[in-house]
Protein backbone atom coordinates (compact mmCIF):
# COMPACT_ATOMS: atom_id res chain seq x y z
CA MET A 1 56.01 33.11 35.72
CA GLY A 2 59.00 34.85 37.22
CA ALA A 3 61.19 32.72 34.94
CA GLN A 4 59.27 32.01 31.78
CA TRP A 5 55.64 32.34 30.83
CA LYS A 6 53.87 29.37 29.28
CA ALA A 7 50.38 29.12 27.84
CA LYS A 8 47.86 27.50 30.18
CA GLY A 9 45.08 25.04 29.47
CA LYS A 10 44.79 21.93 27.32
CA GLU A 11 43.19 23.76 24.38
CA LEU A 12 45.89 26.42 24.34
CA ALA A 13 48.57 23.73 24.59
CA ALA A 14 47.05 21.82 21.67
CA ASN A 15 46.83 24.95 19.52
CA ALA A 16 50.43 25.78 20.35
CA ARG A 17 51.80 22.40 19.23
CA GLY A 18 52.66 23.54 15.71
CA LYS A 19 54.27 26.69 17.05
CA LEU A 20 56.29 24.61 19.50
CA PHE A 21 57.64 22.48 16.67
CA GLY A 22 58.52 25.63 14.72
CA ARG A 23 60.42 27.11 17.64
CA LEU A 24 62.25 23.86 18.33
CA ALA A 25 63.17 23.63 14.65
CA LYS A 26 64.81 27.07 14.90
CA ASP A 27 66.72 26.01 18.03
CA ILE A 28 67.83 22.81 16.27
CA MET A 29 69.01 24.68 13.17
CA ILE A 30 71.03 27.14 15.25
CA ALA A 31 72.55 24.37 17.39
CA ALA A 32 73.39 22.30 14.29
CA ARG A 33 75.65 25.06 12.99
CA SER A 34 78.27 23.60 15.35
CA GLY A 35 77.86 20.09 13.93
CA ALA A 36 75.12 17.72 12.84
CA ASP A 37 76.08 14.86 15.20
CA PRO A 38 74.23 15.16 18.55
CA SER A 39 76.78 12.89 20.22
CA LEU A 40 79.48 15.47 19.50
CA ASN A 41 77.32 18.57 19.96
CA SER A 42 75.89 18.88 23.49
CA ARG A 43 73.65 21.82 22.66
CA LEU A 44 72.13 19.97 19.72
CA ARG A 45 71.72 16.80 21.79
CA LEU A 46 69.64 18.61 24.42
CA VAL A 47 67.36 20.25 21.86
CA VAL A 48 66.92 16.97 19.97
CA GLU A 49 65.95 15.22 23.21
CA GLN A 50 63.43 17.95 23.91
CA ALA A 51 61.99 17.64 20.40
CA ARG A 52 61.64 13.88 20.72
CA LYS A 53 59.93 14.22 24.10
CA VAL A 54 57.16 16.33 22.54
CA SER A 55 56.93 13.89 19.59
CA MET A 56 58.27 16.14 16.86
CA PRO A 57 58.05 14.18 13.56
CA LYS A 58 61.34 12.47 12.73
CA GLU A 59 61.39 13.98 9.24
CA THR A 60 60.96 17.50 10.62
CA LEU A 61 63.74 16.98 13.15
CA GLU A 62 66.21 15.53 10.65
CA ARG A 63 65.45 18.26 8.09
CA ALA A 64 66.14 20.95 10.68
CA ILE A 65 69.48 19.36 11.59
CA LYS A 66 70.59 19.09 7.97
CA LYS A 67 69.46 22.61 7.15
CA GLY A 68 71.24 24.09 10.17
CA ALA A 69 74.42 22.17 9.42
CA GLY A 70 74.40 23.43 5.82
CA LEU A 71 73.86 19.97 4.31
CA THR A 72 70.86 20.97 2.17
CA GLY A 73 72.40 23.92 0.36
CA GLU A 74 69.89 26.27 2.01
CA SER A 75 71.11 29.25 4.01
CA VAL A 76 69.93 29.71 7.59
CA SER A 77 70.03 33.23 8.91
CA PHE A 78 68.21 34.13 12.13
CA GLU A 79 68.84 37.26 14.14
CA HIS A 80 68.44 37.17 17.91
CA VAL A 81 66.47 40.20 19.13
CA ILE A 82 65.07 41.03 22.57
CA TYR A 83 62.18 43.44 23.12
CA GLU A 84 61.67 44.90 26.59
CA GLY A 85 58.66 46.58 28.13
CA PHE A 86 55.59 46.12 30.27
CA ALA A 87 52.42 44.10 30.06
CA PRO A 88 49.30 45.81 31.44
CA HIS A 89 49.53 46.90 35.09
CA GLN A 90 53.29 47.41 34.96
CA VAL A 91 54.29 43.74 34.78
CA ALA A 92 57.79 43.65 33.29
CA VAL A 93 58.28 41.56 30.14
CA MET A 94 61.27 40.45 28.08
CA VAL A 95 60.44 38.94 24.68
CA GLU A 96 63.12 36.86 22.97
CA CYS A 97 62.78 36.57 19.19
CA LEU A 98 64.59 34.69 16.44
CA THR A 99 63.77 36.34 13.14
CA ASP A 100 64.87 36.23 9.53
CA ASN A 101 63.46 39.73 8.99
CA VAL A 102 63.74 42.36 11.74
CA ASN A 103 61.89 44.83 9.50
CA ARG A 104 58.86 42.57 9.83
CA THR A 105 59.24 41.68 13.49
CA ALA A 106 59.82 45.18 14.92
CA PRO A 107 56.52 46.74 13.75
CA GLU A 108 54.63 43.59 14.79
CA MET A 109 56.06 43.94 18.30
CA ARG A 110 55.10 47.62 18.42
CA VAL A 111 51.50 46.70 17.59
CA LEU A 112 51.42 43.88 20.16
CA PHE A 113 52.79 46.16 22.88
CA ARG A 114 50.07 48.79 22.38
CA LYS A 115 48.11 47.26 25.27
CA GLY A 116 51.23 47.49 27.39
CA GLN A 117 54.33 49.62 26.97
CA LEU A 118 57.31 48.91 24.71
CA GLY A 119 60.55 50.13 26.26
CA THR A 120 64.04 50.76 24.98
CA SER A 121 67.02 48.42 25.36
CA GLY A 122 67.92 48.20 29.05
CA SER A 123 64.65 49.69 30.29
CA VAL A 124 63.56 46.39 31.86
CA SER A 125 66.53 44.02 31.65
CA TRP A 126 68.18 45.67 34.67
CA ASP A 127 65.45 44.06 36.80
CA PHE A 128 66.14 40.53 35.47
CA ASP A 129 69.00 38.13 36.09
CA HIS A 130 70.50 36.37 33.06
CA VAL A 131 70.57 32.74 34.15
CA GLY A 132 70.77 29.18 32.95
CA MET A 133 67.45 27.32 33.09
CA ILE A 134 67.44 23.54 33.22
CA GLU A 135 64.19 21.61 33.18
CA ALA A 136 64.73 18.12 34.56
CA GLU A 137 62.67 15.17 35.77
CA ARG A 138 63.43 12.85 38.66
CA ILE A 139 64.60 9.41 37.53
CA LEU A 140 65.44 8.08 41.00
CA THR A 141 62.66 8.03 43.60
CA ALA A 142 65.03 9.10 46.35
CA ALA A 143 66.52 11.99 44.36
CA ASP A 144 66.29 15.27 46.29
CA PRO A 145 66.22 18.43 44.15
CA GLU A 146 67.83 20.53 46.87
CA VAL A 147 70.73 18.10 47.29
CA ALA A 148 71.03 17.74 43.50
CA ALA A 149 71.14 21.52 43.07
CA ILE A 150 73.91 21.89 45.65
CA GLU A 151 76.04 18.99 44.44
CA ALA A 152 75.60 19.75 40.71
CA GLY A 153 76.46 23.42 41.20
CA ALA A 154 73.06 25.03 40.54
CA GLN A 155 72.23 28.32 42.27
CA ASP A 156 68.57 27.55 43.00
CA PHE A 157 65.65 25.31 42.03
CA GLU A 158 61.88 25.55 41.66
CA ALA A 159 59.24 22.81 41.62
CA GLY A 160 57.87 22.25 38.13
CA ASP A 161 54.27 22.16 36.92
CA GLU A 162 54.33 18.36 36.76
CA GLU A 163 55.15 16.02 39.62
CA GLY A 164 58.80 15.00 39.62
CA GLN A 165 59.89 17.89 37.40
CA THR A 166 62.22 20.61 38.64
CA LEU A 167 63.60 23.83 37.19
CA PHE A 168 67.25 24.26 38.16
CA LEU A 169 68.68 27.78 37.92
CA THR A 170 72.39 28.31 37.31
CA ASP A 171 74.89 31.03 36.59
CA ALA A 172 74.83 31.61 32.84
CA ALA A 173 78.39 30.34 32.50
CA ASP A 174 77.60 27.10 34.38
CA LEU A 175 74.66 25.92 32.27
CA ASP A 176 76.47 23.09 30.46
CA LEU A 177 78.46 22.04 33.54
CA VAL A 178 75.32 21.65 35.70
CA SER A 179 73.41 19.97 32.86
CA ARG A 180 76.07 17.27 32.62
CA ALA A 181 76.23 16.83 36.42
CA LEU A 182 72.51 16.41 37.18
CA PRO A 183 72.06 12.83 35.84
CA ALA A 184 74.52 11.58 38.45
CA HIS A 185 72.19 12.99 41.11
CA GLY A 186 69.02 11.33 39.88
CA PHE A 187 67.65 13.84 37.35
CA HIS A 188 67.21 13.53 33.58
CA VAL A 189 67.67 16.84 31.75
CA LEU A 190 64.74 17.73 29.47
CA SER A 191 65.96 21.11 28.29
CA ALA A 192 68.74 23.56 29.06
CA LYS A 193 68.94 27.15 27.88
CA LEU A 194 69.79 30.68 28.91
CA GLY A 195 66.95 32.91 30.03
CA TYR A 196 65.88 35.75 32.30
CA LYS A 197 64.46 35.62 35.82
CA SER A 198 62.79 38.63 37.42
CA LYS A 199 64.47 40.06 40.52
CA ASN A 200 61.28 41.73 41.80
CA PRO A 201 58.26 39.90 40.36
CA VAL A 202 54.78 41.28 40.88
CA ASP A 203 52.66 39.25 43.30
CA PRO A 204 49.48 38.11 41.49
CA ALA A 205 47.62 38.61 44.78
CA ASN A 206 48.09 42.35 44.26
CA LEU A 207 46.16 42.19 40.98
CA SER A 208 42.43 41.68 40.56
CA ALA A 209 41.05 38.76 38.57
CA GLU A 210 40.23 41.16 35.74
CA GLN A 211 43.74 42.61 35.76
CA LEU A 212 45.28 39.12 35.67
CA GLU A 213 43.10 38.26 32.68
CA GLU A 214 44.38 41.35 30.89
CA VAL A 215 47.98 40.35 31.59
CA GLU A 216 47.34 36.77 30.39
CA ALA A 217 45.64 38.01 27.21
CA PHE A 218 48.60 40.28 26.48
CA LEU A 219 51.11 37.47 27.04
CA SER A 220 49.09 35.06 24.91
CA ALA A 221 49.07 37.54 22.02
CA ILE A 222 52.83 38.08 22.30
CA ASP A 223 53.49 34.34 22.49
CA GLY A 224 51.38 33.78 19.39
CA ASN A 225 53.81 35.69 17.17
CA ASP A 226 55.80 33.32 14.94
CA ASP A 227 59.12 35.09 15.61
CA VAL A 228 58.83 34.82 19.41
CA GLN A 229 60.91 32.08 21.01
CA ASN A 230 60.50 32.84 24.72
CA VAL A 231 58.59 35.26 26.93
CA PHE A 232 60.06 36.06 30.34
CA VAL A 233 57.70 37.79 32.77
CA GLY A 234 58.05 39.62 36.08
CA LEU A 235 55.10 37.85 37.68
CA ALA A 236 55.55 35.53 40.65
CA GLY A 237 54.17 32.00 40.74
């Protein structure tokens, strides 16, 4: 959770499928502004690969590319906004939104943060590192994530939730460079993006089961908002 919070449980994952497609569509539209051909647009290629891996419908994917590239005559205007604050029990949170109407999103965030504490810009971000986050899966049995991280230029790595998957952490400026280097070291890149990693995450062992449930409920409510793209949390593990 120190890097990015994700909903847990099969039922939650199933309910979040539509929201996942919506968020990927936004990422695709933004990436497609630099060109509709994934072979010539590395950012778009990575997002398209991620969309295909989660079985996004082909029609939805192609429509998002065309819309983002301005091929449909529709305008695409999303504003990137970050809200900082605390979940219950002083767990730091950074919420990354892509919205077409800040006047709608801002009051919704204020309501959602009532069970925590909404801070001002910079109130929490000082305790997070801005990093590149690359999710990759092992494609060679002998591939060693530590060796791959060193040779590809990553700063660190963490074992993923699924066997064979690894989260590689990079300097923000090295995200694309490391993404292109990893395949040569036995890893297939699933997604690559900039994010925030807590410098001093709270140890869940210091929270009671009831307190952890309150934190999870808060994060689930935040993540359920349609304008939220990513939730980065200062909770270890």
